[in-house]
PDB file of N, CA and C in Angstrom:
ATOM      1  N   UNK A   1       0.840  -1.308  -0.105  1.00  0.00           N
ATOM      2  CA  UNK A   1      -0.004  -0.041   0.074  1.00  0.00           C
ATOM      3  C   UNK A   1       0.913   1.139   0.204  1.00  0.00           C
ATOM      4  N   UNK A   2       0.495   2.123  -0.797  1.00  0.00           N
ATOM      5  CA  UNK A   2       1.285   3.457  -0.914  1.00  0.00           C
ATOM      6  C   UNK A   2       0.143   4.529  -0.252  1.00  0.00           C
ATOM      7  N   UNK A   3       0.931   5.532   0.362  1.00  0.00           N
ATOM      8  CA  UNK A   3      -0.002   6.518   0.942  1.00  0.00           C
ATOM      9  C   UNK A   3       0.465   8.030   0.490  1.00  0.00           C
ATOM     10  N   UNK A   4      -0.322   8.735   0.033  1.00  0.00           N
ATOM     11  CA  UNK A   4       0.129  10.238  -0.073  1.00  0.00           C
ATOM     12  C   UNK A   4      -0.662  11.080   1.199  1.00  0.00           C
ATOM     13  N   UNK A   5       0.270  11.865   1.603  1.00  0.00           N
ATOM     14  CA  UNK A   5       0.071  12.476   2.814  1.00  0.00           C
ATOM     15  C   UNK A   5       0.303  13.957   2.734  1.00  0.00           C
ATOM     16  N   UNK A   6      -0.468  14.690   3.573  1.00  0.00           N
ATOM     17  CA  UNK A   6      -0.176  16.221   3.725  1.00  0.00           C
ATOM     18  C   UNK A   6      -0.102  16.503   5.360  1.00  0.00           C
ATOM     19  N   UNK A   7       0.883  17.104   5.413  1.00  0.00           N
ATOM     20  CA  UNK A   7       1.320  17.459   6.761  1.00  0.00           C
ATOM     21  C   UNK A   7       1.322  18.813   6.719  1.00  0.00           C
ATOM     22  N   UNK A   8       0.883  19.448   8.393  1.00  0.00           N
ATOM     23  CA  UNK A   8       0.825  21.081   8.609  1.00  0.00           C
ATOM     24  C   UNK A   8       2.107  21.169   9.396  1.00  0.00           C
ATOM     25  N   UNK A   9       2.922  22.027   9.102  1.00  0.00           N
ATOM     26  CA  UNK A   9       3.979  22.359   9.809  1.00  0.00           C
ATOM     27  C   UNK A   9       3.680  23.375  10.873  1.00  0.00           C
ATOM     28  N   UNK A  10       4.792  23.457  11.719  1.00  0.00           N
ATOM     29  CA  UNK A  10       4.623  24.443  12.698  1.00  0.00           C
ATOM     30  C   UNK A  10       4.761  25.823  12.534  1.00  0.00           C
ATOM     31  N   UNK A  11       5.018  26.097  11.364  1.00  0.00           N
ATOM     32  CA  UNK A  11       5.203  27.645  10.934  1.00  0.00           C
ATOM     33  C   UNK A  11       3.867  27.925  10.052  1.00  0.00           C
ATOM     34  N   UNK A  12       2.901  26.628   9.922  1.00  0.00           N
ATOM     35  CA  UNK A  12       1.915  27.191   9.063  1.00  0.00           C
ATOM     36  C   UNK A  12       1.755  26.709   7.662  1.00  0.00           C
ATOM     37  N   UNK A  13       2.971  26.191   7.214  1.00  0.00           N
ATOM     38  CA  UNK A  13       3.096  25.813   5.901  1.00  0.00           C
ATOM     39  C   UNK A  13       2.356  24.320   5.886  1.00  0.00           C
ATOM     40  N   UNK A  14       2.553  23.808   4.576  1.00  0.00           N
ATOM     41  CA  UNK A  14       2.028  22.500   4.293  1.00  0.00           C
ATOM     42  C   UNK A  14       3.226  21.789   3.408  1.00  0.00           C
ATOM     43  N   UNK A  15       3.351  20.316   3.793  1.00  0.00           N
ATOM     44  CA  UNK A  15       4.199  19.462   3.212  1.00  0.00           C
ATOM     45  C   UNK A  15       3.416  18.312   2.584  1.00  0.00           C
ATOM     46  N   UNK A  16       3.482  18.024   1.446  1.00  0.00           N
ATOM     47  CA  UNK A  16       3.227  16.978   0.773  1.00  0.00           C
ATOM     48  C   UNK A  16       4.265  15.917   0.362  1.00  0.00           C
ATOM     49  N   UNK A  17       3.663  14.579   0.578  1.00  0.00           N
ATOM     50  CA  UNK A  17       4.611  13.473   0.171  1.00  0.00           C
ATOM     51  C   UNK A  17       4.015  12.183   0.155  1.00  0.00           C
ATOM     52  N   UNK A  18       4.896  11.078  -0.270  1.00  0.00           N
ATOM     53  CA  UNK A  18       4.269   9.741  -0.348  1.00  0.00           C
ATOM     54  C   UNK A  18       5.403   8.834   0.358  1.00  0.00           C
ATOM     55  N   UNK A  19       4.789   7.740   0.817  1.00  0.00           N
ATOM     56  CA  UNK A  19       5.577   6.594   1.284  1.00  0.00           C
ATOM     57  C   UNK A  19       4.635   5.300   1.288  1.00  0.00           C
ATOM     58  N   UNK A  20       5.294   4.304   1.583  1.00  0.00           N
ATOM     59  CA  UNK A  20       4.808   3.052   1.900  1.00  0.00           C
ATOM     60  C   UNK A  20       4.670   2.597   3.470  1.00  0.00           C
ATOM     61  N   UNK A  21       5.130   3.493   4.251  1.00  0.00           N
ATOM     62  CA  UNK A  21       4.974   3.191   5.635  1.00  0.00           C
ATOM     63  C   UNK A  21       4.662   4.610   6.257  1.00  0.00           C
ATOM     64  N   UNK A  22       3.444   5.092   6.190  1.00  0.00           N
ATOM     65  CA  UNK A  22       3.179   6.279   6.901  1.00  0.00           C
ATOM     66  C   UNK A  22       3.630   6.514   8.397  1.00  0.00           C
ATOM     67  N   UNK A  23       3.390   5.828   9.350  1.00  0.00           N
ATOM     68  CA  UNK A  23       3.607   6.169  10.484  1.00  0.00           C
ATOM     69  C   UNK A  23       5.169   6.248  10.733  1.00  0.00           C
ATOM     70  N   UNK A  24       6.025   5.445  10.184  1.00  0.00           N
ATOM     71  CA  UNK A  24       7.447   5.663  10.032  1.00  0.00           C
ATOM     72  C   UNK A  24       7.995   6.927   9.620  1.00  0.00           C
ATOM     73  N   UNK A  25       7.237   7.131   8.379  1.00  0.00           N
ATOM     74  CA  UNK A  25       7.418   8.554   7.664  1.00  0.00           C
ATOM     75  C   UNK A  25       7.307   9.689   8.612  1.00  0.00           C
ATOM     76  N   UNK A  26       6.227   9.818   9.055  1.00  0.00           N
ATOM     77  CA  UNK A  26       5.848  11.004  10.026  1.00  0.00           C
ATOM     78  C   UNK A  26       6.702  11.027  11.209  1.00  0.00           C
ATOM     79  N   UNK A  27       7.216   9.870  11.946  1.00  0.00           N
ATOM     80  CA  UNK A  27       8.110   9.943  12.951  1.00  0.00           C
ATOM     81  C   UNK A  27       9.491  10.336  12.444  1.00  0.00           C
ATOM     82  N   UNK A  28       9.944   9.942  11.072  1.00  0.00           N
ATOM     83  CA  UNK A  28      11.190  10.540  10.715  1.00  0.00           C
ATOM     84  C   UNK A  28      11.012  12.048  10.308  1.00  0.00           C
ATOM     85  N   UNK A  29       9.903  12.527   9.918  1.00  0.00           N
ATOM     86  CA  UNK A  29       9.664  14.212   9.833  1.00  0.00           C
ATOM     87  C   UNK A  29       9.885  14.872  11.178  1.00  0.00           C
ATOM     88  N   UNK A  30       9.361  14.245  12.106  1.00  0.00           N
ATOM     89  CA  UNK A  30       9.367  14.952  13.326  1.00  0.00           C
ATOM     90  C   UNK A  30      10.688  14.619  14.441  1.00  0.00           C
ATOM     91  N   UNK A  31      11.446  13.777  13.774  1.00  0.00           N
ATOM     92  CA  UNK A  31      12.796  13.539  14.287  1.00  0.00           C
ATOM     93  C   UNK A  31      13.927  14.690  13.686  1.00  0.00           C
ATOM     94  N   UNK A  32      13.405  15.204  12.463  1.00  0.00           N
ATOM     95  CA  UNK A  32      14.247  16.252  11.764  1.00  0.00           C
ATOM     96  C   UNK A  32      15.002  15.544  10.594  1.00  0.00           C
ATOM     97  N   UNK A  33      14.579  14.414  10.107  1.00  0.00           N
ATOM     98  CA  UNK A  33      15.152  13.793   9.063  1.00  0.00           C
ATOM     99  C   UNK A  33      14.944  14.177   7.567  1.00  0.00           C
ATOM    100  N   UNK A  34      14.177  15.199   7.647  1.00  0.00           N
ATOM    101  CA  UNK A  34      13.567  15.764   5.986  1.00  0.00           C
ATOM    102  C   UNK A  34      14.094  17.270   6.098  1.00  0.00           C
ATOM    103  N   UNK A  35      14.793  17.777   5.007  1.00  0.00           N
ATOM    104  CA  UNK A  35      15.185  18.999   4.774  1.00  0.00           C
ATOM    105  C   UNK A  35      14.290  20.129   5.166  1.00  0.00           C
ATOM    106  N   UNK A  36      13.117  19.841   4.370  1.00  0.00           N
ATOM    107  CA  UNK A  36      11.967  20.973   4.461  1.00  0.00           C
ATOM    108  C   UNK A  36      11.352  21.211   5.818  1.00  0.00           C
ATOM    109  N   UNK A  37      11.074  19.989   6.344  1.00  0.00           N
ATOM    110  CA  UNK A  37      10.264  19.927   7.544  1.00  0.00           C
ATOM    111  C   UNK A  37      11.095  20.214   8.849  1.00  0.00           C
ATOM    112  N   UNK A  38      12.416  19.861   8.797  1.00  0.00           N
ATOM    113  CA  UNK A  38      13.299  19.746  10.004  1.00  0.00           C
ATOM    114  C   UNK A  38      13.121  21.231  10.965  1.00  0.00           C
ATOM    115  N   UNK A  39      13.227  22.612  10.172  1.00  0.00           N
ATOM    116  CA  UNK A  39      13.103  23.474  10.912  1.00  0.00           C
ATOM    117  C   UNK A  39      11.802  24.159  11.141  1.00  0.00           C
ATOM    118  N   UNK A  40      10.850  23.205  10.594  1.00  0.00           N
ATOM    119  CA  UNK A  40       9.212  23.634  10.729  1.00  0.00           C
ATOM    120  C   UNK A  40       8.561  22.486  11.741  1.00  0.00           C
ATOM    121  N   UNK A  41       9.526  21.693  12.574  1.00  0.00           N
ATOM    122  CA  UNK A  41       8.593  20.830  13.548  1.00  0.00           C
ATOM    123  C   UNK A  41       8.024  21.509  14.623  1.00  0.00           C
ATOM    124  N   UNK A  42       7.196  20.748  15.289  1.00  0.00           N
ATOM    125  CA  UNK A  42       6.591  19.495  15.041  1.00  0.00           C
ATOM    126  C   UNK A  42       5.660  19.518  13.652  1.00  0.00           C
ATOM    127  N   UNK A  43       5.312  18.623  13.175  1.00  0.00           N
ATOM    128  CA  UNK A  43       4.481  18.432  11.862  1.00  0.00           C
ATOM    129  C   UNK A  43       3.199  17.717  12.480  1.00  0.00           C
ATOM    130  N   UNK A  44       2.257  17.811  11.901  1.00  0.00           N
ATOM    131  CA  UNK A  44       1.039  17.316  12.188  1.00  0.00           C
ATOM    132  C   UNK A  44       0.147  16.573  10.816  1.00  0.00           C
ATOM    133  N   UNK A  45      -0.168  15.335  10.920  1.00  0.00           N
ATOM    134  CA  UNK A  45      -0.838  14.826   9.859  1.00  0.00           C
ATOM    135  C   UNK A  45      -2.082  15.378   9.751  1.00  0.00           C
ATOM    136  N   UNK A  46      -2.419  16.030   8.460  1.00  0.00           N
ATOM    137  CA  UNK A  46      -3.659  16.596   8.055  1.00  0.00           C
ATOM    138  C   UNK A  46      -4.663  15.493   7.586  1.00  0.00           C
ATOM    139  N   UNK A  47      -4.091  14.695   6.595  1.00  0.00           N
ATOM    140  CA  UNK A  47      -4.873  13.868   5.664  1.00  0.00           C
ATOM    141  C   UNK A  47      -3.940  12.853   5.017  1.00  0.00           C
ATOM    142  N   UNK A  48      -4.399  11.743   4.753  1.00  0.00           N
ATOM    143  CA  UNK A  48      -3.825  10.868   3.776  1.00  0.00           C
ATOM    144  C   UNK A  48      -4.670  10.056   2.809  1.00  0.00           C
ATOM    145  N   UNK A  49      -4.268   9.626   1.628  1.00  0.00           N
ATOM    146  CA  UNK A  49      -4.968   8.693   1.072  1.00  0.00           C
ATOM    147  C   UNK A  49      -4.186   7.644   0.632  1.00  0.00           C
ATOM    148  N   UNK A  50      -4.851   6.360   0.591  1.00  0.00           N
ATOM    149  CA  UNK A  50      -4.067   5.041   0.408  1.00  0.00           C
ATOM    150  C   UNK A  50      -4.009   4.716  -1.290  1.00  0.00           C
ATOM    151  N   UNK A  51      -2.977   4.091  -1.621  1.00  0.00           N
ATOM    152  CA  UNK A  51      -3.465   3.671  -3.207  1.00  0.00           C
ATOM    153  C   UNK A  51      -2.697   2.176  -3.287  1.00  0.00           C
ATOM    154  N   UNK A  52      -3.328   1.317  -4.118  1.00  0.00           N
ATOM    155  CA  UNK A  52      -2.720   0.141  -4.197  1.00  0.00           C
ATOM    156  C   UNK A  52      -1.646   0.139  -5.364  1.00  0.00           C
ATOM    157  N   UNK A  53      -1.430   1.198  -6.055  1.00  0.00           N
ATOM    158  CA  UNK A  53      -0.575   1.425  -7.220  1.00  0.00           C
ATOM    159  C   UNK A  53       0.232   2.415  -6.918  1.00  0.00           C
ATOM    160  N   UNK A  54       1.745   2.298  -6.797  1.00  0.00           N
ATOM    161  CA  UNK A  54       2.670   3.282  -6.585  1.00  0.00           C
ATOM    162  C   UNK A  54       2.743   4.124  -7.450  1.00  0.00           C
ATOM    163  N   UNK A  55       2.515   4.106  -8.777  1.00  0.00           N
ATOM    164  CA  UNK A  55       2.520   5.054  -9.888  1.00  0.00           C
ATOM    165  C   UNK A  55       1.431   6.099  -9.531  1.00  0.00           C
ATOM    166  N   UNK A  56       0.116   5.488  -9.207  1.00  0.00           N
ATOM    167  CA  UNK A  56      -0.809   6.484  -9.098  1.00  0.00           C
ATOM    168  C   UNK A  56      -0.761   7.299  -8.007  1.00  0.00           C
ATOM    169  N   UNK A  57      -0.159   6.721  -6.994  1.00  0.00           N
ATOM    170  CA  UNK A  57       0.340   7.491  -5.839  1.00  0.00           C
ATOM    171  C   UNK A  57       1.186   8.689  -6.254  1.00  0.00           C
ATOM    172  N   UNK A  58       2.143   8.274  -6.794  1.00  0.00           N
ATOM    173  CA  UNK A  58       3.092   9.362  -7.281  1.00  0.00           C
ATOM    174  C   UNK A  58       2.422  10.491  -8.212  1.00  0.00           C
ATOM    175  N   UNK A  59       1.520  10.102  -9.023  1.00  0.00           N
ATOM    176  CA  UNK A  59       0.884  11.112  -9.825  1.00  0.00           C
ATOM    177  C   UNK A  59      -0.096  11.964  -9.008  1.00  0.00           C
ATOM    178  N   UNK A  60      -0.724  11.166  -8.004  1.00  0.00           N
ATOM    179  CA  UNK A  60      -1.422  12.077  -7.193  1.00  0.00           C
ATOM    180  C   UNK A  60      -0.742  13.121  -6.262  1.00  0.00           C
ATOM    181  N   UNK A  61       0.531  12.792  -5.873  1.00  0.00           N
ATOM    182  CA  UNK A  61       1.170  13.463  -5.234  1.00  0.00           C
ATOM    183  C   UNK A  61       1.682  14.737  -5.977  1.00  0.00           C
ATOM    184  N   UNK A  62       2.112  14.482  -7.333  1.00  0.00           N
ATOM    185  CA  UNK A  62       2.533  15.497  -8.230  1.00  0.00           C
ATOM    186  C   UNK A  62       1.380  16.525  -8.548  1.00  0.00           C
ATOM    187  N   UNK A  63       0.293  15.960  -8.478  1.00  0.00           N
ATOM    188  CA  UNK A  63      -1.113  16.709  -8.562  1.00  0.00           C
ATOM    189  C   UNK A  63      -1.103  17.771  -7.687  1.00  0.00           C
ATOM    190  N   UNK A  64      -0.996  17.131  -6.449  1.00  0.00           N
ATOM    191  CA  UNK A  64      -0.950  18.003  -4.959  1.00  0.00           C
ATOM    192  C   UNK A  64      -0.022  19.255  -5.295  1.00  0.00           C
ATOM    193  N   UNK A  65       1.166  18.910  -5.886  1.00  0.00           N
ATOM    194  CA  UNK A  65       2.060  19.920  -5.864  1.00  0.00           C
ATOM    195  C   UNK A  65       1.848  20.808  -6.914  1.00  0.00           C
ATOM    196  N   UNK A  66       0.905  20.589  -7.792  1.00  0.00           N
ATOM    197  CA  UNK A  66       0.825  21.723  -8.923  1.00  0.00           C
ATOM    198  C   UNK A  66      -0.165  22.793  -8.470  1.00  0.00           C
ATOM    199  N   UNK A  67      -0.371  23.642  -9.438  1.00  0.00           N
ATOM    200  CA  UNK A  67      -1.289  24.721  -8.924  1.00  0.00           C
ATOM    201  C   UNK A  67      -2.652  24.479  -8.620  1.00  0.00           C
ATOM    202  N   UNK A  68      -3.234  23.806  -9.474  1.00  0.00           N
ATOM    203  CA  UNK A  68      -4.756  22.973  -9.418  1.00  0.00           C
ATOM    204  C   UNK A  68      -4.628  22.162  -8.080  1.00  0.00           C
ATOM    205  N   UNK A  69      -3.629  21.545  -7.821  1.00  0.00           N
ATOM    206  CA  UNK A  69      -3.885  20.642  -6.630  1.00  0.00           C
ATOM    207  C   UNK A  69      -3.672  21.334  -5.219  1.00  0.00           C
ATOM    208  N   UNK A  70      -3.030  22.316  -5.413  1.00  0.00           N
ATOM    209  CA  UNK A  70      -2.789  23.274  -4.076  1.00  0.00           C
ATOM    210  C   UNK A  70      -4.227  24.126  -4.008  1.00  0.00           C
ATOM    211  N   UNK A  71      -4.945  24.190  -4.940  1.00  0.00           N
ATOM    212  CA  UNK A  71      -6.376  25.052  -4.844  1.00  0.00           C
ATOM    213  C   UNK A  71      -7.240  23.890  -4.168  1.00  0.00           C
ATOM    214  N   UNK A  72      -6.975  22.711  -4.630  1.00  0.00           N
ATOM    215  CA  UNK A  72      -7.884  21.726  -4.351  1.00  0.00           C
ATOM    216  C   UNK A  72      -7.771  21.400  -2.818  1.00  0.00           C
ATOM    217  N   UNK A  73      -6.532  21.388  -2.308  1.00  0.00           N
ATOM    218  CA  UNK A  73      -6.284  21.295  -0.806  1.00  0.00           C
ATOM    219  C   UNK A  73      -7.039  22.430   0.071  1.00  0.00           C
ATOM    220  N   UNK A  74      -6.982  23.740  -0.656  1.00  0.00           N
ATOM    221  CA  UNK A  74      -7.543  24.729   0.149  1.00  0.00           C
ATOM    222  C   UNK A  74      -8.963  24.501   0.451  1.00  0.00           C
TER     223      UNK A  74
END
């Protein structure tokens, strides 16, 4: 299972990513193992979607990072 997730950072910004282990990935964000979220900790999981296809998860993450996807998230 692949997950696309949205985190809210401590400074009010959002981070979108994908992983196959959601709990571990969020733990790593909060430990400071990601360049973008490290200075913006702690992070909070806002939502996630599960995909059985890794390619579809990647494409949806890409969409969320586009202009239309950012508007969709608002």
